[in-house]
């Protein structure tokens, strides 16, 4: 495998003593080396090859932790040795852009496209004159049967179909209704278009391994990008836990994705770091 002479490659190994493979020929290491910006991220499913990515991360952190066991003995229980037990690598990503692909990776499922059934949210409608009847038009057409359509008047009384109203398509006709009367449509079910994206939550499916690539830039003291910095992990496991938080204050809701880096079956190398010169 040929690598540009100025590329720095660091292989991250799971053995106690980290193995470094450094290929660095030529080039002058002058000036200050600064990493001042957040990562971009790409996740490639290791089974089906599907790709999710983001260039709108608010934060992206790599946490490498080594577990140690101290061996103490003798007078004063002095430290005799330190045994390195394991190295854990965790990645925590927070994205400001709403990305259903992130959720799919957490759930171990995929997004499909096709018609489905949705529920309308509560909404008030004002009666108008249709010419032959008084009523209002819904935003969507309720299902023909078992739509769950519920309508309440301004006093909180639920209307009864055929007795208080009839419905044809989207049009609701209020029996003995008057123009200007207001009615709350609490909910109803309706068919969505064929272009609807659907993501299912399945209790027996969990996150699968992905190849995770994180990229940012190394900058000098003059704020000029000198190198692209890439971290590559070939077996990153989303932990499957996530939260969706919203508030009444209008602000962007962020998504959080946590991944653990697992060891490949046939190797102790779990990832690598590339320092790629932009002038190459």
Protein backbone atom coordinates (compact mmCIF):
# COMPACT_ATOMS: atom_id res chain seq x y z
CA UNK A 1 0.00 0.00 0.00
CA UNK A 2 1.43 3.37 -1.02
CA UNK A 3 0.96 6.36 1.25
CA UNK A 4 1.91 9.97 0.54
CA UNK A 5 5.33 10.67 1.99
CA UNK A 6 4.01 13.32 4.40
CA UNK A 7 1.08 11.32 5.79
CA UNK A 8 1.32 10.37 9.44
CA UNK A 9 -0.45 7.11 10.31
CA UNK A 10 -0.94 6.00 13.90
CA UNK A 11 -2.51 2.58 14.46
CA UNK A 12 -4.44 2.35 17.70
CA UNK A 13 -3.83 -1.08 19.25
CA UNK A 14 -5.63 -2.87 22.06
CA UNK A 15 -2.45 -4.33 23.54
CA UNK A 16 -1.11 -2.74 26.72
CA UNK A 17 1.73 -0.98 24.91
CA UNK A 18 0.18 1.04 22.11
CA UNK A 19 1.71 0.08 18.76
CA UNK A 20 2.56 3.09 16.60
CA UNK A 21 3.14 2.82 12.90
CA UNK A 22 4.58 6.17 11.82
CA UNK A 23 5.31 7.02 8.22
CA UNK A 24 6.72 10.51 8.06
CA UNK A 25 9.24 11.43 5.39
CA UNK A 26 10.25 14.88 4.34
CA UNK A 27 8.30 18.03 5.18
CA UNK A 28 9.11 20.56 7.83
CA UNK A 29 7.28 20.62 11.12
CA UNK A 30 7.31 24.35 11.68
CA UNK A 31 4.84 26.61 13.38
CA UNK A 32 2.20 25.77 15.95
CA UNK A 33 -0.15 22.83 15.48
CA UNK A 34 -3.74 23.62 16.44
CA UNK A 35 -6.97 21.67 16.14
CA UNK A 36 -9.66 24.30 16.47
CA UNK A 37 -12.76 22.88 14.83
CA UNK A 38 -15.25 20.08 15.37
CA UNK A 39 -15.16 16.78 13.49
CA UNK A 40 -17.24 15.84 10.49
CA UNK A 41 -18.47 12.26 10.72
CA UNK A 42 -19.26 9.38 8.39
CA UNK A 43 -20.68 6.01 9.46
CA UNK A 44 -20.66 3.07 7.04
CA UNK A 45 -22.74 0.02 7.95
CA UNK A 46 -20.42 -3.00 8.02
CA UNK A 47 -23.22 -5.31 6.82
CA UNK A 48 -25.23 -3.53 4.15
CA UNK A 49 -22.85 -0.67 3.29
CA UNK A 50 -25.40 2.09 3.93
CA UNK A 51 -23.86 5.44 4.82
CA UNK A 52 -24.86 8.14 7.29
CA UNK A 53 -22.91 11.34 7.70
CA UNK A 54 -22.93 14.77 9.27
CA UNK A 55 -21.12 18.08 8.84
CA UNK A 56 -23.21 19.84 11.52
CA UNK A 57 -21.86 18.35 14.75
CA UNK A 58 -21.87 20.65 17.76
CA UNK A 59 -19.40 18.45 19.59
CA UNK A 60 -17.51 15.25 18.86
CA UNK A 61 -15.33 13.64 21.50
CA UNK A 62 -13.02 10.60 21.56
CA UNK A 63 -12.38 9.24 25.05
CA UNK A 64 -9.56 6.70 25.46
CA UNK A 65 -9.43 5.20 28.96
CA UNK A 66 -6.97 2.60 30.27
CA UNK A 67 -7.93 0.45 33.27
CA UNK A 68 -5.08 -0.33 35.68
CA UNK A 69 -4.59 -2.61 38.67
CA UNK A 70 -1.99 -1.56 41.20
CA UNK A 71 0.18 -4.23 42.79
CA UNK A 72 1.23 -3.18 46.31
CA UNK A 73 3.23 -5.06 48.91
CA UNK A 74 5.95 -4.77 51.52
CA UNK A 75 6.45 -2.15 54.17
CA UNK A 76 4.16 0.81 53.73
CA UNK A 77 2.19 -1.11 51.12
CA UNK A 78 4.44 0.39 48.46
CA UNK A 79 3.56 0.27 44.80
CA UNK A 80 5.39 -2.63 43.16
CA UNK A 81 3.85 -2.66 39.69
CA UNK A 82 0.96 -1.48 37.60
CA UNK A 83 -0.94 -4.00 35.51
CA UNK A 84 -2.78 -2.66 32.51
CA UNK A 85 -6.08 -4.49 32.18
CA UNK A 86 -7.85 -2.98 29.19
CA UNK A 87 -8.18 0.04 26.95
CA UNK A 88 -11.68 1.40 26.22
CA UNK A 89 -12.38 3.88 23.43
CA UNK A 90 -15.70 5.71 23.42
CA UNK A 91 -16.98 8.30 20.95
CA UNK A 92 -19.69 10.83 21.77
CA UNK A 93 -21.29 12.86 18.95
CA UNK A 94 -23.87 15.66 19.27
CA UNK A 95 -25.56 16.84 16.08
CA UNK A 96 -27.67 19.98 15.71
CA UNK A 97 -29.18 18.79 12.41
CA UNK A 98 -32.09 16.39 12.73
CA UNK A 99 -30.90 13.18 11.10
CA UNK A 100 -33.18 10.10 11.19
CA UNK A 101 -30.27 8.01 9.91
CA UNK A 102 -28.55 8.45 13.29
CA UNK A 103 -31.64 6.99 15.01
CA UNK A 104 -31.74 4.09 12.55
CA UNK A 105 -28.12 3.21 13.38
CA UNK A 106 -28.94 3.28 17.08
CA UNK A 107 -31.93 0.97 16.58
CA UNK A 108 -30.16 -1.45 14.26
CA UNK A 109 -32.83 -0.93 11.59
CA UNK A 110 -33.11 1.02 8.36
CA UNK A 111 -35.40 3.69 6.92
CA UNK A 112 -37.99 2.55 4.38
CA UNK A 113 -40.16 4.62 2.06
CA UNK A 114 -43.87 4.06 1.46
CA UNK A 115 -47.42 4.93 2.46
CA UNK A 116 -48.38 4.50 6.10
CA UNK A 117 -51.04 5.67 8.56
CA UNK A 118 -50.55 8.87 10.59
CA UNK A 119 -52.56 10.64 13.29
CA UNK A 120 -53.74 14.24 13.02
CA UNK A 121 -52.94 16.54 15.92
CA UNK A 122 -55.61 18.64 17.73
CA UNK A 123 -56.76 21.65 15.72
CA UNK A 124 -59.62 24.16 15.83
CA UNK A 125 -61.73 24.72 12.71
CA UNK A 126 -64.26 27.46 11.93
CA UNK A 127 -67.49 26.65 10.12
CA UNK A 128 -68.05 28.13 6.67
CA UNK A 129 -70.92 28.02 4.19
CA UNK A 130 -70.39 25.28 1.61
CA UNK A 131 -73.45 26.52 -0.32
CA UNK A 132 -75.59 23.52 0.51
CA UNK A 133 -74.36 22.91 4.07
CA UNK A 134 -72.39 24.41 6.97
CA UNK A 135 -69.11 22.86 8.04
CA UNK A 136 -65.34 22.85 7.56
CA UNK A 137 -62.64 21.04 5.59
CA UNK A 138 -59.99 18.94 7.30
CA UNK A 139 -56.32 19.10 6.38
CA UNK A 140 -56.28 15.44 5.39
CA UNK A 141 -58.81 12.80 4.42
CA UNK A 142 -59.63 10.45 7.34
CA UNK A 143 -59.61 6.71 6.78
CA UNK A 144 -62.91 5.40 5.47
CA UNK A 145 -63.31 3.05 8.43
CA UNK A 146 -61.94 3.16 11.96
CA UNK A 147 -60.43 6.61 11.47
CA UNK A 148 -60.86 7.51 15.14
CA UNK A 149 -62.21 10.96 14.19
CA UNK A 150 -63.27 12.87 17.29
CA UNK A 151 -64.82 16.36 17.25
CA UNK A 152 -65.69 18.62 20.18
CA UNK A 153 -67.68 21.85 20.28
CA UNK A 154 -66.59 24.98 22.15
CA UNK A 155 -68.27 23.70 25.34
CA UNK A 156 -66.25 20.49 25.31
CA UNK A 157 -69.15 18.29 24.17
CA UNK A 158 -68.13 15.48 21.83
CA UNK A 159 -70.10 15.32 18.61
CA UNK A 160 -71.69 12.07 17.45
CA UNK A 161 -71.37 11.03 13.82
CA UNK A 162 -74.66 11.01 11.82
CA UNK A 163 -76.41 12.71 14.76
CA UNK A 164 -74.29 15.86 15.01
CA UNK A 165 -72.18 15.72 11.85
CA UNK A 166 -71.46 13.80 8.65
CA UNK A 167 -68.22 13.52 6.69
CA UNK A 168 -67.48 13.09 3.00
CA UNK A 169 -63.78 12.98 2.13
CA UNK A 170 -62.24 15.96 3.91
CA UNK A 171 -65.51 17.87 4.34
CA UNK A 172 -67.24 17.76 7.73
CA UNK A 173 -70.87 18.91 7.67
CA UNK A 174 -72.25 20.13 10.99
CA UNK A 175 -75.94 19.35 11.32
CA UNK A 176 -77.82 22.56 12.21
CA UNK A 177 -74.47 24.33 12.28
CA UNK A 178 -73.92 28.07 11.88
CA UNK A 179 -71.19 29.99 10.07
CA UNK A 180 -68.47 31.09 12.49
CA UNK A 181 -68.95 28.28 15.01
CA UNK A 182 -65.68 26.69 16.12
CA UNK A 183 -65.00 22.99 16.60
CA UNK A 184 -61.95 21.16 17.83
CA UNK A 185 -60.91 18.11 15.87
CA UNK A 186 -58.99 16.12 18.47
CA UNK A 187 -57.52 13.50 16.13
CA UNK A 188 -58.11 11.10 13.25
CA UNK A 189 -56.08 8.63 11.22
CA UNK A 190 -55.21 9.26 7.59
CA UNK A 191 -53.08 7.72 4.85
CA UNK A 192 -49.68 9.31 4.22
CA UNK A 193 -48.16 9.70 0.71
CA UNK A 194 -45.92 7.09 -0.91
CA UNK A 195 -42.85 9.25 -0.22
CA UNK A 196 -43.22 8.92 3.57
CA UNK A 197 -40.08 7.76 5.37
CA UNK A 198 -40.76 5.06 7.99
CA UNK A 199 -38.47 3.92 10.79
CA UNK A 200 -39.66 1.02 12.94
CA UNK A 201 -38.74 0.38 16.58
CA UNK A 202 -38.21 -3.38 16.97
CA UNK A 203 -37.60 -4.95 20.37
CA UNK A 204 -35.44 -7.78 19.01
CA UNK A 205 -33.06 -5.68 16.90
CA UNK A 206 -30.03 -3.80 18.15
CA UNK A 207 -27.30 -1.59 16.75
CA UNK A 208 -24.83 -3.19 14.33
CA UNK A 209 -21.16 -2.44 13.84
CA UNK A 210 -20.18 0.48 11.63
CA UNK A 211 -16.98 1.93 10.25
CA UNK A 212 -16.68 5.36 11.86
CA UNK A 213 -14.56 8.08 10.26
CA UNK A 214 -14.04 11.43 11.99
CA UNK A 215 -12.32 14.28 10.14
CA UNK A 216 -11.17 17.77 11.03
CA UNK A 217 -8.24 20.08 10.21
CA UNK A 218 -4.93 20.92 11.82
CA UNK A 219 -4.37 24.67 11.63
CA UNK A 220 -1.28 26.80 12.08
CA UNK A 221 -0.97 30.05 14.05
CA UNK A 222 -2.07 32.00 10.97
CA UNK A 223 -5.38 30.09 10.89
CA UNK A 224 -4.42 28.31 7.66
CA UNK A 225 -5.41 24.65 7.39
CA UNK A 226 -2.28 22.54 6.91
CA UNK A 227 -3.43 18.95 7.43
CA UNK A 228 -6.61 16.94 7.37
CA UNK A 229 -6.86 14.86 10.53
CA UNK A 230 -8.77 11.59 10.28
CA UNK A 231 -9.61 9.02 12.92
CA UNK A 232 -10.81 5.71 11.47
CA UNK A 233 -12.47 2.98 13.52
CA UNK A 234 -13.55 -0.13 11.61
CA UNK A 235 -15.79 -1.67 14.28
CA UNK A 236 -17.69 1.05 16.14
CA UNK A 237 -20.80 -0.09 18.00
CA UNK A 238 -23.62 2.42 18.67
CA UNK A 239 -24.81 1.78 22.21
CA UNK A 240 -28.48 1.95 21.16
CA UNK A 241 -29.51 4.49 23.80
CA UNK A 242 -30.67 7.95 22.84
CA UNK A 243 -32.91 10.81 23.95
CA UNK A 244 -35.10 13.16 21.94
CA UNK A 245 -35.57 16.38 23.89
CA UNK A 246 -37.89 19.24 22.91
CA UNK A 247 -39.05 22.36 24.72
CA UNK A 248 -41.67 25.07 24.33
CA UNK A 249 -38.90 27.59 23.72
CA UNK A 250 -38.15 27.56 20.00
CA UNK A 251 -34.68 26.13 19.56
CA UNK A 252 -32.97 23.38 17.60
CA UNK A 253 -33.21 19.95 19.19
CA UNK A 254 -29.88 18.11 19.17
CA UNK A 255 -29.24 14.41 18.67
CA UNK A 256 -26.68 12.47 20.64
CA UNK A 257 -24.90 9.35 19.40
CA UNK A 258 -22.59 7.27 21.57
CA UNK A 259 -20.35 4.54 20.19
CA UNK A 260 -17.94 2.02 21.69
CA UNK A 261 -14.94 0.88 19.68
CA UNK A 262 -14.72 -2.93 19.57
CA UNK A 263 -11.78 -5.15 18.64
CA UNK A 264 -11.95 -6.88 15.25
CA UNK A 265 -11.98 -10.68 15.34
CA UNK A 266 -8.64 -11.15 13.57
CA UNK A 267 -6.62 -8.16 14.80
CA UNK A 268 -5.74 -6.10 17.86
CA UNK A 269 -5.74 -2.87 15.83
CA UNK A 270 -9.03 -1.10 16.49
CA UNK A 271 -8.40 2.16 14.63
CA UNK A 272 -5.92 4.56 13.16
CA UNK A 273 -5.07 8.25 12.97
CA UNK A 274 -4.12 9.90 9.67
CA UNK A 275 -2.43 13.31 9.29
CA UNK A 276 -2.84 14.14 5.63
CA UNK A 277 -1.04 17.19 4.19
CA UNK A 278 -3.40 19.42 2.22
CA UNK A 279 -0.60 20.48 -0.11
CA UNK A 280 0.12 16.91 -1.25
